[in-house]
C-alpha atoms as a PDB file:
ATOM      1  CA  UNK A   1     109.959 103.233  95.212  1.00  0.00           C
ATOM      2  CA  UNK A   2     109.463 102.966  98.950  1.00  0.00           C
ATOM      3  CA  UNK A   3     110.513 104.748 102.088  1.00  0.00           C
ATOM      4  CA  UNK A   4     113.550 102.442 102.159  1.00  0.00           C
ATOM      5  CA  UNK A   5     114.710 104.196  98.993  1.00  0.00           C
ATOM      6  CA  UNK A   6     113.862 107.869  99.278  1.00  0.00           C
ATOM      7  CA  UNK A   7     116.132 110.417  97.619  1.00  0.00           C
ATOM      8  CA  UNK A   8     116.520 113.456  99.875  1.00  0.00           C
ATOM      9  CA  UNK A   9     116.925 116.067  97.162  1.00  0.00           C
ATOM     10  CA  UNK A  10     114.702 118.715  98.719  1.00  0.00           C
ATOM     11  CA  UNK A  11     113.632 119.815 102.166  1.00  0.00           C
ATOM     12  CA  UNK A  12     110.429 121.636 103.021  1.00  0.00           C
ATOM     13  CA  UNK A  13     112.636 124.121 104.838  1.00  0.00           C
ATOM     14  CA  UNK A  14     114.072 125.128 101.451  1.00  0.00           C
ATOM     15  CA  UNK A  15     110.690 126.379 100.247  1.00  0.00           C
ATOM     16  CA  UNK A  16     110.882 130.113  99.522  1.00  0.00           C
ATOM     17  CA  UNK A  17     108.272 132.589 100.684  1.00  0.00           C
ATOM     18  CA  UNK A  18     105.042 132.340  98.698  1.00  0.00           C
ATOM     19  CA  UNK A  19     103.849 135.771  99.729  1.00  0.00           C
ATOM     20  CA  UNK A  20     101.754 137.472  97.067  1.00  0.00           C
ATOM     21  CA  UNK A  21     100.835 134.207  95.316  1.00  0.00           C
ATOM     22  CA  UNK A  22      97.565 132.305  94.871  1.00  0.00           C
ATOM     23  CA  UNK A  23      97.435 128.508  94.708  1.00  0.00           C
ATOM     24  CA  UNK A  24      94.779 125.966  93.791  1.00  0.00           C
ATOM     25  CA  UNK A  25      94.855 122.385  95.096  1.00  0.00           C
ATOM     26  CA  UNK A  26      92.340 119.772  94.045  1.00  0.00           C
ATOM     27  CA  UNK A  27      91.637 117.344  96.863  1.00  0.00           C
ATOM     28  CA  UNK A  28      93.479 119.719  99.169  1.00  0.00           C
ATOM     29  CA  UNK A  29      91.438 118.773 102.227  1.00  0.00           C
ATOM     30  CA  UNK A  30      92.454 115.129 102.769  1.00  0.00           C
ATOM     31  CA  UNK A  31      95.569 112.973 102.735  1.00  0.00           C
ATOM     32  CA  UNK A  32      98.562 114.303 100.821  1.00  0.00           C
ATOM     33  CA  UNK A  33      96.517 117.261  99.580  1.00  0.00           C
ATOM     34  CA  UNK A  34      95.827 118.361 103.149  1.00  0.00           C
ATOM     35  CA  UNK A  35      99.554 118.425 103.907  1.00  0.00           C
ATOM     36  CA  UNK A  36     100.295 120.288 100.670  1.00  0.00           C
ATOM     37  CA  UNK A  37      97.720 122.927 101.629  1.00  0.00           C
ATOM     38  CA  UNK A  38      99.295 123.172 105.084  1.00  0.00           C
ATOM     39  CA  UNK A  39     102.754 123.674 103.584  1.00  0.00           C
ATOM     40  CA  UNK A  40     101.499 126.387 101.257  1.00  0.00           C
ATOM     41  CA  UNK A  41     100.026 128.194 104.258  1.00  0.00           C
ATOM     42  CA  UNK A  42     103.161 127.681 106.342  1.00  0.00           C
ATOM     43  CA  UNK A  43     105.205 129.345 103.606  1.00  0.00           C
ATOM     44  CA  UNK A  44     103.115 132.481 103.381  1.00  0.00           C
ATOM     45  CA  UNK A  45     100.784 131.881 100.439  1.00  0.00           C
ATOM     46  CA  UNK A  46      98.244 134.680 100.100  1.00  0.00           C
ATOM     47  CA  UNK A  47      95.390 132.302  99.319  1.00  0.00           C
ATOM     48  CA  UNK A  48      94.743 128.616  98.637  1.00  0.00           C
ATOM     49  CA  UNK A  49      91.624 127.494  96.802  1.00  0.00           C
ATOM     50  CA  UNK A  50      90.776 123.934  97.817  1.00  0.00           C
ATOM     51  CA  UNK A  51      88.712 122.225  95.117  1.00  0.00           C
ATOM     52  CA  UNK A  52      86.877 119.202  96.499  1.00  0.00           C
ATOM     53  CA  UNK A  53      83.551 117.398  96.716  1.00  0.00           C
ATOM     54  CA  UNK A  54      83.055 117.319 100.472  1.00  0.00           C
ATOM     55  CA  UNK A  55      82.706 120.523 102.451  1.00  0.00           C
ATOM     56  CA  UNK A  56      82.561 118.493 105.667  1.00  0.00           C
ATOM     57  CA  UNK A  57      86.049 117.105 104.961  1.00  0.00           C
ATOM     58  CA  UNK A  58      87.250 120.631 104.221  1.00  0.00           C
ATOM     59  CA  UNK A  59      85.854 121.938 107.519  1.00  0.00           C
ATOM     60  CA  UNK A  60      87.572 119.117 109.401  1.00  0.00           C
ATOM     61  CA  UNK A  61      90.884 119.924 107.686  1.00  0.00           C
ATOM     62  CA  UNK A  62      90.379 123.628 108.348  1.00  0.00           C
ATOM     63  CA  UNK A  63      90.077 122.932 112.060  1.00  0.00           C
ATOM     64  CA  UNK A  64      93.409 121.082 111.922  1.00  0.00           C
ATOM     65  CA  UNK A  65      95.133 123.871 109.996  1.00  0.00           C
ATOM     66  CA  UNK A  66      93.891 126.441 112.510  1.00  0.00           C
ATOM     67  CA  UNK A  67      95.702 124.775 115.407  1.00  0.00           C
ATOM     68  CA  UNK A  68      98.873 123.864 113.525  1.00  0.00           C
ATOM     69  CA  UNK A  69     101.849 125.870 114.695  1.00  0.00           C
ATOM     70  CA  UNK A  70     103.012 128.470 112.211  1.00  0.00           C
ATOM     71  CA  UNK A  71      99.888 128.648 110.044  1.00  0.00           C
ATOM     72  CA  UNK A  72      97.991 131.222 112.061  1.00  0.00           C
ATOM     73  CA  UNK A  73      94.535 130.778 110.533  1.00  0.00           C
ATOM     74  CA  UNK A  74      91.599 132.346 112.298  1.00  0.00           C
ATOM     75  CA  UNK A  75      87.976 131.307 111.982  1.00  0.00           C
ATOM     76  CA  UNK A  76      86.646 132.461 108.626  1.00  0.00           C
ATOM     77  CA  UNK A  77      90.132 133.427 107.409  1.00  0.00           C
ATOM     78  CA  UNK A  78      89.986 133.692 103.607  1.00  0.00           C
ATOM     79  CA  UNK A  79      93.595 132.584 103.163  1.00  0.00           C
ATOM     80  CA  UNK A  80      92.080 129.191 102.406  1.00  0.00           C
ATOM     81  CA  UNK A  81      88.675 128.793 100.756  1.00  0.00           C
ATOM     82  CA  UNK A  82      86.556 125.850  99.682  1.00  0.00           C
ATOM     83  CA  UNK A  83      85.278 125.409  96.138  1.00  0.00           C
ATOM     84  CA  UNK A  84      82.833 122.542  95.713  1.00  0.00           C
ATOM     85  CA  UNK A  85      83.445 120.433  92.624  1.00  0.00           C
ATOM     86  CA  UNK A  86      82.842 116.885  91.474  1.00  0.00           C
ATOM     87  CA  UNK A  87      85.660 116.287  88.985  1.00  0.00           C
ATOM     88  CA  UNK A  88      83.777 113.300  87.624  1.00  0.00           C
ATOM     89  CA  UNK A  89      80.981 115.590  86.419  1.00  0.00           C
ATOM     90  CA  UNK A  90      82.021 117.694  83.421  1.00  0.00           C
ATOM     91  CA  UNK A  91      79.291 120.294  83.870  1.00  0.00           C
ATOM     92  CA  UNK A  92      80.045 120.665  87.565  1.00  0.00           C
ATOM     93  CA  UNK A  93      83.780 121.023  86.886  1.00  0.00           C
ATOM     94  CA  UNK A  94      83.207 123.728  84.279  1.00  0.00           C
ATOM     95  CA  UNK A  95      80.879 125.563  86.680  1.00  0.00           C
ATOM     96  CA  UNK A  96      83.533 125.391  89.422  1.00  0.00           C
ATOM     97  CA  UNK A  97      86.116 126.853  87.036  1.00  0.00           C
ATOM     98  CA  UNK A  98      83.772 129.774  86.316  1.00  0.00           C
ATOM     99  CA  UNK A  99      83.326 130.439  90.031  1.00  0.00           C
ATOM    100  CA  UNK A 100      87.077 130.318  90.594  1.00  0.00           C
ATOM    101  CA  UNK A 101      87.665 132.859  87.809  1.00  0.00           C
ATOM    102  CA  UNK A 102      85.152 135.160  89.443  1.00  0.00           C
ATOM    103  CA  UNK A 103      86.866 134.770  92.808  1.00  0.00           C
ATOM    104  CA  UNK A 104      90.484 135.449  91.759  1.00  0.00           C
ATOM    105  CA  UNK A 105      92.099 137.163  88.801  1.00  0.00           C
ATOM    106  CA  UNK A 106      95.236 135.005  88.613  1.00  0.00           C
ATOM    107  CA  UNK A 107      96.628 131.660  89.791  1.00  0.00           C
ATOM    108  CA  UNK A 108     100.361 131.151  90.351  1.00  0.00           C
ATOM    109  CA  UNK A 109     100.356 127.495  91.438  1.00  0.00           C
ATOM    110  CA  UNK A 110      97.939 124.735  90.394  1.00  0.00           C
ATOM    111  CA  UNK A 111      98.330 121.300  91.989  1.00  0.00           C
ATOM    112  CA  UNK A 112      96.064 118.644  90.472  1.00  0.00           C
ATOM    113  CA  UNK A 113      96.102 116.178  93.330  1.00  0.00           C
ATOM    114  CA  UNK A 114      92.552 114.795  93.691  1.00  0.00           C
ATOM    115  CA  UNK A 115      91.707 111.367  92.391  1.00  0.00           C
ATOM    116  CA  UNK A 116      89.885 108.080  92.787  1.00  0.00           C
ATOM    117  CA  UNK A 117      91.965 105.139  93.968  1.00  0.00           C
ATOM    118  CA  UNK A 118      91.506 101.370  93.737  1.00  0.00           C
ATOM    119  CA  UNK A 119      88.237 101.192  95.621  1.00  0.00           C
ATOM    120  CA  UNK A 120      85.447  99.120  93.998  1.00  0.00           C
ATOM    121  CA  UNK A 121      83.628 101.313  91.501  1.00  0.00           C
ATOM    122  CA  UNK A 122      81.407 100.840  88.485  1.00  0.00           C
ATOM    123  CA  UNK A 123      82.964 100.242  85.090  1.00  0.00           C
ATOM    124  CA  UNK A 124      81.424 103.273  83.372  1.00  0.00           C
ATOM    125  CA  UNK A 125      79.897 106.537  84.588  1.00  0.00           C
ATOM    126  CA  UNK A 126      76.820 108.331  83.242  1.00  0.00           C
ATOM    127  CA  UNK A 127      78.879 109.718  80.363  1.00  0.00           C
ATOM    128  CA  UNK A 128      79.927 106.205  79.360  1.00  0.00           C
ATOM    129  CA  UNK A 129      83.534 106.701  80.514  1.00  0.00           C
ATOM    130  CA  UNK A 130      85.641 104.887  83.097  1.00  0.00           C
ATOM    131  CA  UNK A 131      84.892 106.960  86.240  1.00  0.00           C
ATOM    132  CA  UNK A 132      88.471 106.621  87.548  1.00  0.00           C
ATOM    133  CA  UNK A 133      89.796 108.118  84.325  1.00  0.00           C
ATOM    134  CA  UNK A 134      87.031 110.719  84.277  1.00  0.00           C
ATOM    135  CA  UNK A 135      87.935 112.061  87.724  1.00  0.00           C
ATOM    136  CA  UNK A 136      91.705 111.657  87.606  1.00  0.00           C
ATOM    137  CA  UNK A 137      92.230 112.909  84.057  1.00  0.00           C
ATOM    138  CA  UNK A 138      89.255 114.459  82.258  1.00  0.00           C
ATOM    139  CA  UNK A 139      88.136 116.592  85.194  1.00  0.00           C
ATOM    140  CA  UNK A 140      91.635 117.992  85.554  1.00  0.00           C
ATOM    141  CA  UNK A 141      91.843 118.678  81.813  1.00  0.00           C
ATOM    142  CA  UNK A 142      88.671 120.790  82.032  1.00  0.00           C
ATOM    143  CA  UNK A 143      89.879 122.654  85.098  1.00  0.00           C
ATOM    144  CA  UNK A 144      93.357 123.280  83.667  1.00  0.00           C
ATOM    145  CA  UNK A 145      92.106 124.390  80.272  1.00  0.00           C
ATOM    146  CA  UNK A 146      89.548 126.843  81.651  1.00  0.00           C
ATOM    147  CA  UNK A 147      91.936 128.263  84.248  1.00  0.00           C
ATOM    148  CA  UNK A 148      94.977 128.479  81.968  1.00  0.00           C
ATOM    149  CA  UNK A 149      94.365 132.167  81.100  1.00  0.00           C
ATOM    150  CA  UNK A 150      94.516 132.957  84.833  1.00  0.00           C
ATOM    151  CA  UNK A 151      97.758 130.978  85.145  1.00  0.00           C
ATOM    152  CA  UNK A 152      99.258 132.791  82.154  1.00  0.00           C
ATOM    153  CA  UNK A 153      98.310 136.096  83.730  1.00  0.00           C
ATOM    154  CA  UNK A 154     100.172 135.130  86.893  1.00  0.00           C
ATOM    155  CA  UNK A 155     103.250 133.708  85.171  1.00  0.00           C
ATOM    156  CA  UNK A 156     105.140 136.967  84.498  1.00  0.00           C
ATOM    157  CA  UNK A 157     104.620 138.125  88.097  1.00  0.00           C
ATOM    158  CA  UNK A 158     105.558 134.816  89.746  1.00  0.00           C
ATOM    159  CA  UNK A 159     109.098 134.960  91.203  1.00  0.00           C
ATOM    160  CA  UNK A 160     110.119 131.707  89.518  1.00  0.00           C
ATOM    161  CA  UNK A 161     107.394 131.189  86.917  1.00  0.00           C
ATOM    162  CA  UNK A 162     103.904 129.753  87.328  1.00  0.00           C
ATOM    163  CA  UNK A 163     103.620 126.047  88.102  1.00  0.00           C
ATOM    164  CA  UNK A 164     101.176 123.255  87.198  1.00  0.00           C
ATOM    165  CA  UNK A 165     101.682 119.879  88.883  1.00  0.00           C
ATOM    166  CA  UNK A 166      99.888 116.564  88.312  1.00  0.00           C
ATOM    167  CA  UNK A 167      99.938 113.738  90.830  1.00  0.00           C
ATOM    168  CA  UNK A 168     100.825 110.470  89.137  1.00  0.00           C
ATOM    169  CA  UNK A 169     101.847 107.163  90.734  1.00  0.00           C
ATOM    170  CA  UNK A 170     104.363 104.357  90.466  1.00  0.00           C
ATOM    171  CA  UNK A 171     101.290 102.231  89.781  1.00  0.00           C
ATOM    172  CA  UNK A 172     101.222 103.681  86.270  1.00  0.00           C
ATOM    173  CA  UNK A 173     103.569 100.743  85.573  1.00  0.00           C
ATOM    174  CA  UNK A 174     100.620  98.347  85.814  1.00  0.00           C
ATOM    175  CA  UNK A 175      99.217  99.810  82.575  1.00  0.00           C
ATOM    176  CA  UNK A 176     101.251  98.737  79.547  1.00  0.00           C
ATOM    177  CA  UNK A 177      98.760  99.613  76.792  1.00  0.00           C
ATOM    178  CA  UNK A 178      96.310 102.468  76.418  1.00  0.00           C
ATOM    179  CA  UNK A 179      93.700 101.961  73.721  1.00  0.00           C
ATOM    180  CA  UNK A 180      91.480 105.052  73.736  1.00  0.00           C
ATOM    181  CA  UNK A 181      88.427 103.017  72.757  1.00  0.00           C
ATOM    182  CA  UNK A 182      88.848 101.005  75.965  1.00  0.00           C
ATOM    183  CA  UNK A 183      88.075 104.113  78.040  1.00  0.00           C
ATOM    184  CA  UNK A 184      84.405 103.769  77.087  1.00  0.00           C
ATOM    185  CA  UNK A 185      83.915 100.043  77.602  1.00  0.00           C
ATOM    186  CA  UNK A 186      84.338  97.572  80.459  1.00  0.00           C
ATOM    187  CA  UNK A 187      87.803  96.062  80.788  1.00  0.00           C
ATOM    188  CA  UNK A 188      86.679  92.476  81.304  1.00  0.00           C
ATOM    189  CA  UNK A 189      89.473  92.055  83.862  1.00  0.00           C
ATOM    190  CA  UNK A 190      88.805  89.738  86.796  1.00  0.00           C
ATOM    191  CA  UNK A 191      88.933  89.825  89.789  1.00  0.00           C
ATOM    192  CA  UNK A 192      87.702  93.317  90.640  1.00  0.00           C
ATOM    193  CA  UNK A 193      90.922  94.234  92.461  1.00  0.00           C
ATOM    194  CA  UNK A 194      93.013  93.585  89.357  1.00  0.00           C
ATOM    195  CA  UNK A 195      90.500  95.563  87.313  1.00  0.00           C
ATOM    196  CA  UNK A 196      90.670  98.605  89.609  1.00  0.00           C
ATOM    197  CA  UNK A 197      94.457  98.490  89.905  1.00  0.00           C
ATOM    198  CA  UNK A 198      94.780  98.412  86.120  1.00  0.00           C
ATOM    199  CA  UNK A 199      92.270 101.241  85.631  1.00  0.00           C
ATOM    200  CA  UNK A 200      93.966 103.331  88.318  1.00  0.00           C
ATOM    201  CA  UNK A 201      97.339 102.727  86.671  1.00  0.00           C
ATOM    202  CA  UNK A 202      95.860 103.736  83.322  1.00  0.00           C
ATOM    203  CA  UNK A 203      94.649 107.028  84.778  1.00  0.00           C
ATOM    204  CA  UNK A 204      98.136 107.706  86.169  1.00  0.00           C
ATOM    205  CA  UNK A 205      99.631 107.120  82.732  1.00  0.00           C
ATOM    206  CA  UNK A 206      97.068 109.674  81.587  1.00  0.00           C
ATOM    207  CA  UNK A 207      98.214 112.218  84.188  1.00  0.00           C
ATOM    208  CA  UNK A 208     101.850 111.867  83.119  1.00  0.00           C
ATOM    209  CA  UNK A 209     101.013 112.091  79.411  1.00  0.00           C
ATOM    210  CA  UNK A 210      98.839 115.151  79.990  1.00  0.00           C
ATOM    211  CA  UNK A 211     101.662 116.970  81.772  1.00  0.00           C
ATOM    212  CA  UNK A 212     104.041 116.237  78.903  1.00  0.00           C
ATOM    213  CA  UNK A 213     101.546 117.330  76.259  1.00  0.00           C
ATOM    214  CA  UNK A 214     100.515 120.516  78.071  1.00  0.00           C
ATOM    215  CA  UNK A 215     104.179 121.436  78.368  1.00  0.00           C
ATOM    216  CA  UNK A 216     104.701 120.810  74.642  1.00  0.00           C
ATOM    217  CA  UNK A 217     101.711 122.953  73.702  1.00  0.00           C
ATOM    218  CA  UNK A 218     102.780 125.812  75.942  1.00  0.00           C
ATOM    219  CA  UNK A 219     106.260 125.886  74.419  1.00  0.00           C
ATOM    220  CA  UNK A 220     104.725 125.756  70.952  1.00  0.00           C
ATOM    221  CA  UNK A 221     102.573 128.784  71.804  1.00  0.00           C
ATOM    222  CA  UNK A 222     105.654 130.616  72.999  1.00  0.00           C
ATOM    223  CA  UNK A 223     107.610 129.804  69.848  1.00  0.00           C
ATOM    224  CA  UNK A 224     104.896 130.256  67.221  1.00  0.00           C
ATOM    225  CA  UNK A 225     102.793 133.022  68.767  1.00  0.00           C
ATOM    226  CA  UNK A 226     105.380 134.807  70.854  1.00  0.00           C
ATOM    227  CA  UNK A 227     103.387 134.106  74.003  1.00  0.00           C
ATOM    228  CA  UNK A 228     106.097 134.625  76.604  1.00  0.00           C
ATOM    229  CA  UNK A 229     103.655 133.985  79.451  1.00  0.00           C
ATOM    230  CA  UNK A 230     103.263 130.427  78.142  1.00  0.00           C
ATOM    231  CA  UNK A 231     107.035 129.973  78.355  1.00  0.00           C
ATOM    232  CA  UNK A 232     106.939 130.995  82.027  1.00  0.00           C
ATOM    233  CA  UNK A 233     104.694 128.060  83.034  1.00  0.00           C
ATOM    234  CA  UNK A 234     106.452 124.912  84.268  1.00  0.00           C
ATOM    235  CA  UNK A 235     104.389 121.721  84.035  1.00  0.00           C
ATOM    236  CA  UNK A 236     105.471 118.433  85.630  1.00  0.00           C
ATOM    237  CA  UNK A 237     104.063 115.251  87.181  1.00  0.00           C
ATOM    238  CA  UNK A 238     105.213 113.331  90.228  1.00  0.00           C
ATOM    239  CA  UNK A 239     104.763 110.195  92.292  1.00  0.00           C
ATOM    240  CA  UNK A 240     104.352 111.328  95.926  1.00  0.00           C
ATOM    241  CA  UNK A 241     105.388 107.973  97.374  1.00  0.00           C
ATOM    242  CA  UNK A 242     103.717 105.166  99.276  1.00  0.00           C
ATOM    243  CA  UNK A 243     101.609 107.206 101.663  1.00  0.00           C
ATOM    244  CA  UNK A 244      98.776 105.783 103.756  1.00  0.00           C
ATOM    245  CA  UNK A 245      95.764 107.898 102.839  1.00  0.00           C
ATOM    246  CA  UNK A 246      92.022 107.319 102.764  1.00  0.00           C
ATOM    247  CA  UNK A 247      92.411 105.726  99.324  1.00  0.00           C
ATOM    248  CA  UNK A 248      94.102 102.745 100.971  1.00  0.00           C
ATOM    249  CA  UNK A 249      90.718 101.739 102.381  1.00  0.00           C
ATOM    250  CA  UNK A 250      90.088 100.351  98.898  1.00  0.00           C
ATOM    251  CA  UNK A 251      92.339  97.391  99.657  1.00  0.00           C
ATOM    252  CA  UNK A 252      90.078  96.442 102.582  1.00  0.00           C
ATOM    253  CA  UNK A 253      86.994  96.753 100.392  1.00  0.00           C
ATOM    254  CA  UNK A 254      88.496  94.335  97.877  1.00  0.00           C
ATOM    255  CA  UNK A 255      90.342  91.914 100.143  1.00  0.00           C
ATOM    256  CA  UNK A 256      88.722  92.169 103.571  1.00  0.00           C
ATOM    257  CA  UNK A 257      89.627  94.274 106.580  1.00  0.00           C
ATOM    258  CA  UNK A 258      92.331  91.943 107.925  1.00  0.00           C
ATOM    259  CA  UNK A 259      94.322  91.932 104.686  1.00  0.00           C
ATOM    260  CA  UNK A 260      93.670  95.643 104.293  1.00  0.00           C
ATOM    261  CA  UNK A 261      95.160  96.322 107.728  1.00  0.00           C
ATOM    262  CA  UNK A 262      98.260  94.306 106.848  1.00  0.00           C
ATOM    263  CA  UNK A 263      98.622  96.285 103.593  1.00  0.00           C
ATOM    264  CA  UNK A 264      98.351  99.574 105.456  1.00  0.00           C
ATOM    265  CA  UNK A 265     100.861  98.425 108.073  1.00  0.00           C
ATOM    266  CA  UNK A 266     103.379  97.473 105.380  1.00  0.00           C
ATOM    267  CA  UNK A 267     102.760 100.782 103.641  1.00  0.00           C
ATOM    268  CA  UNK A 268     103.332 102.659 106.876  1.00  0.00           C
ATOM    269  CA  UNK A 269     106.606 100.785 107.507  1.00  0.00           C
ATOM    270  CA  UNK A 270     107.976 100.935 103.967  1.00  0.00           C
ATOM    271  CA  UNK A 271     106.414 104.122 102.688  1.00  0.00           C
ATOM    272  CA  UNK A 272     106.840 107.863 102.918  1.00  0.00           C
ATOM    273  CA  UNK A 273     105.341 110.346 105.356  1.00  0.00           C
ATOM    274  CA  UNK A 274     102.815 113.013 104.415  1.00  0.00           C
ATOM    275  CA  UNK A 275     105.629 115.568 104.701  1.00  0.00           C
ATOM    276  CA  UNK A 276     107.850 113.589 102.316  1.00  0.00           C
ATOM    277  CA  UNK A 277     104.997 113.392  99.827  1.00  0.00           C
ATOM    278  CA  UNK A 278     104.306 117.105 100.118  1.00  0.00           C
ATOM    279  CA  UNK A 279     108.003 117.929  99.722  1.00  0.00           C
ATOM    280  CA  UNK A 280     108.092 116.809  96.080  1.00  0.00           C
ATOM    281  CA  UNK A 281     104.941 118.801  95.364  1.00  0.00           C
ATOM    282  CA  UNK A 282     106.392 121.881  97.052  1.00  0.00           C
ATOM    283  CA  UNK A 283     109.631 121.532  95.100  1.00  0.00           C
ATOM    284  CA  UNK A 284     107.686 121.531  91.841  1.00  0.00           C
ATOM    285  CA  UNK A 285     105.388 124.316  93.048  1.00  0.00           C
ATOM    286  CA  UNK A 286     107.943 126.733  94.428  1.00  0.00           C
ATOM    287  CA  UNK A 287     111.624 125.864  94.101  1.00  0.00           C
ATOM    288  CA  UNK A 288     113.638 128.329  91.981  1.00  0.00           C
ATOM    289  CA  UNK A 289     115.688 125.332  90.775  1.00  0.00           C
ATOM    290  CA  UNK A 290     112.822 124.214  88.528  1.00  0.00           C
ATOM    291  CA  UNK A 291     113.216 127.387  86.488  1.00  0.00           C
ATOM    292  CA  UNK A 292     117.007 127.497  86.764  1.00  0.00           C
ATOM    293  CA  UNK A 293     117.255 123.935  85.401  1.00  0.00           C
ATOM    294  CA  UNK A 294     114.381 124.454  82.927  1.00  0.00           C
ATOM    295  CA  UNK A 295     112.600 121.353  84.237  1.00  0.00           C
ATOM    296  CA  UNK A 296     109.488 120.799  82.132  1.00  0.00           C
ATOM    297  CA  UNK A 297     107.299 117.815  81.290  1.00  0.00           C
ATOM    298  CA  UNK A 298     109.242 115.575  83.656  1.00  0.00           C
ATOM    299  CA  UNK A 299     108.239 112.825  86.082  1.00  0.00           C
ATOM    300  CA  UNK A 300     109.541 112.841  89.673  1.00  0.00           C
ATOM    301  CA  UNK A 301     109.827 110.326  92.487  1.00  0.00           C
ATOM    302  CA  UNK A 302     110.411 111.045  96.202  1.00  0.00           C
ATOM    303  CA  UNK A 303     111.861 113.435  96.958  1.00  0.00           C
ATOM    304  CA  UNK A 304     112.179 115.869  94.033  1.00  0.00           C
ATOM    305  CA  UNK A 305     114.115 113.387  91.901  1.00  0.00           C
ATOM    306  CA  UNK A 306     113.653 113.081  88.151  1.00  0.00           C
ATOM    307  CA  UNK A 307     112.933 109.530  87.024  1.00  0.00           C
ATOM    308  CA  UNK A 308     111.876 107.783  83.838  1.00  0.00           C
ATOM    309  CA  UNK A 309     108.263 106.584  83.719  1.00  0.00           C
ATOM    310  CA  UNK A 310     107.342 103.675  81.465  1.00  0.00           C
ATOM    311  CA  UNK A 311     107.741 103.975  77.709  1.00  0.00           C
ATOM    312  CA  UNK A 312     103.949 104.233  77.442  1.00  0.00           C
ATOM    313  CA  UNK A 313     103.898 107.245  79.767  1.00  0.00           C
ATOM    314  CA  UNK A 314     106.532 108.926  77.568  1.00  0.00           C
ATOM    315  CA  UNK A 315     104.804 108.279  74.230  1.00  0.00           C
ATOM    316  CA  UNK A 316     104.460 111.750  72.702  1.00  0.00           C
ATOM    317  CA  UNK A 317     102.197 110.581  69.881  1.00  0.00           C
ATOM    318  CA  UNK A 318      99.860 108.906  72.372  1.00  0.00           C
ATOM    319  CA  UNK A 319      99.922 112.048  74.525  1.00  0.00           C
ATOM    320  CA  UNK A 320      98.603 114.121  71.601  1.00  0.00           C
ATOM    321  CA  UNK A 321      95.959 111.544  70.720  1.00  0.00           C
ATOM    322  CA  UNK A 322      94.797 111.308  74.324  1.00  0.00           C
ATOM    323  CA  UNK A 323      94.584 115.100  74.652  1.00  0.00           C
ATOM    324  CA  UNK A 324      92.464 115.322  71.496  1.00  0.00           C
ATOM    325  CA  UNK A 325      90.284 112.397  72.598  1.00  0.00           C
ATOM    326  CA  UNK A 326      89.539 114.066  75.939  1.00  0.00           C
ATOM    327  CA  UNK A 327      88.884 117.399  74.221  1.00  0.00           C
ATOM    328  CA  UNK A 328      86.370 115.693  71.953  1.00  0.00           C
ATOM    329  CA  UNK A 329      84.569 113.931  74.824  1.00  0.00           C
ATOM    330  CA  UNK A 330      84.392 117.194  76.761  1.00  0.00           C
ATOM    331  CA  UNK A 331      83.027 119.052  73.733  1.00  0.00           C
ATOM    332  CA  UNK A 332      80.282 116.437  73.396  1.00  0.00           C
ATOM    333  CA  UNK A 333      79.089 117.332  76.889  1.00  0.00           C
ATOM    334  CA  UNK A 334      79.902 121.041  77.193  1.00  0.00           C
ATOM    335  CA  UNK A 335      79.570 122.152  73.584  1.00  0.00           C
ATOM    336  CA  UNK A 336      82.164 122.947  70.902  1.00  0.00           C
ATOM    337  CA  UNK A 337      82.952 126.365  72.397  1.00  0.00           C
ATOM    338  CA  UNK A 338      83.612 125.080  75.908  1.00  0.00           C
ATOM    339  CA  UNK A 339      87.163 126.471  76.019  1.00  0.00           C
ATOM    340  CA  UNK A 340      85.904 129.998  75.510  1.00  0.00           C
ATOM    341  CA  UNK A 341      83.993 130.146  78.802  1.00  0.00           C
END
């Protein structure tokens, strides 16, 4: 999927007013996330919580949002706030979720956008887990699980249901098997670029599977427990497109600056713009059509077009096993009662 083949099934101009709603965007201060945050502000969101590691990057983005026509931010405006969080650190992520719950009483839109790319990185983190998978998947599972009561609270009051969106990638196709035991041991893949591409693709399979499984569990709650708020939450994943972001620097780190520049040039020519990438996210976050069509647990490509991910990324049995595996790893670090925080 490239900019030469972009389905124009949604325009940012079609985004309804988001007045009265609260959104959360992980990695909402750089790249695609920065444009998503801008679009939320442009369409009248009451507040956006930007969850990220770097406050300096947030301040730089804030300065850009302030001067962007139509946003109307003033210095210190609490329409957009920063919440420090390292998604690769389970304790830090849980602490950030607690602070968010103290700051707001409901969340209408949650966009899980942050992630590590293909840059050179160690095989395992301090918890003995692939750090790419830890940030892209496990951190978001903690954040989603702990904030789900706030999302359920918002769902009945949201004009078109509450929304949870996970950023996946067409690069999920590079991962054709997902053995859970492999998440805690080195891959043995050489060279390092191939290793990082495969691990990144694996994490994007994880994002797509998580969206499908969360959707299944919410519908099960609605059917078995009569939890109608759970039925009013629409969970999907999407590939934003080939967009030149800071993550593309990883190609230079693997292959040298000259090759990296060529890769970025090709991406710029063949890929999508930040606005195109944000359009799919905004469709999933706000369009009334998602509720009208009952679109749940699906995978989208640019722009706002349902597509079929690989068979692995649709494996419902694997999705359940992966969910339980992540739950178990989180419980080992945060304690068996971690969901009750």
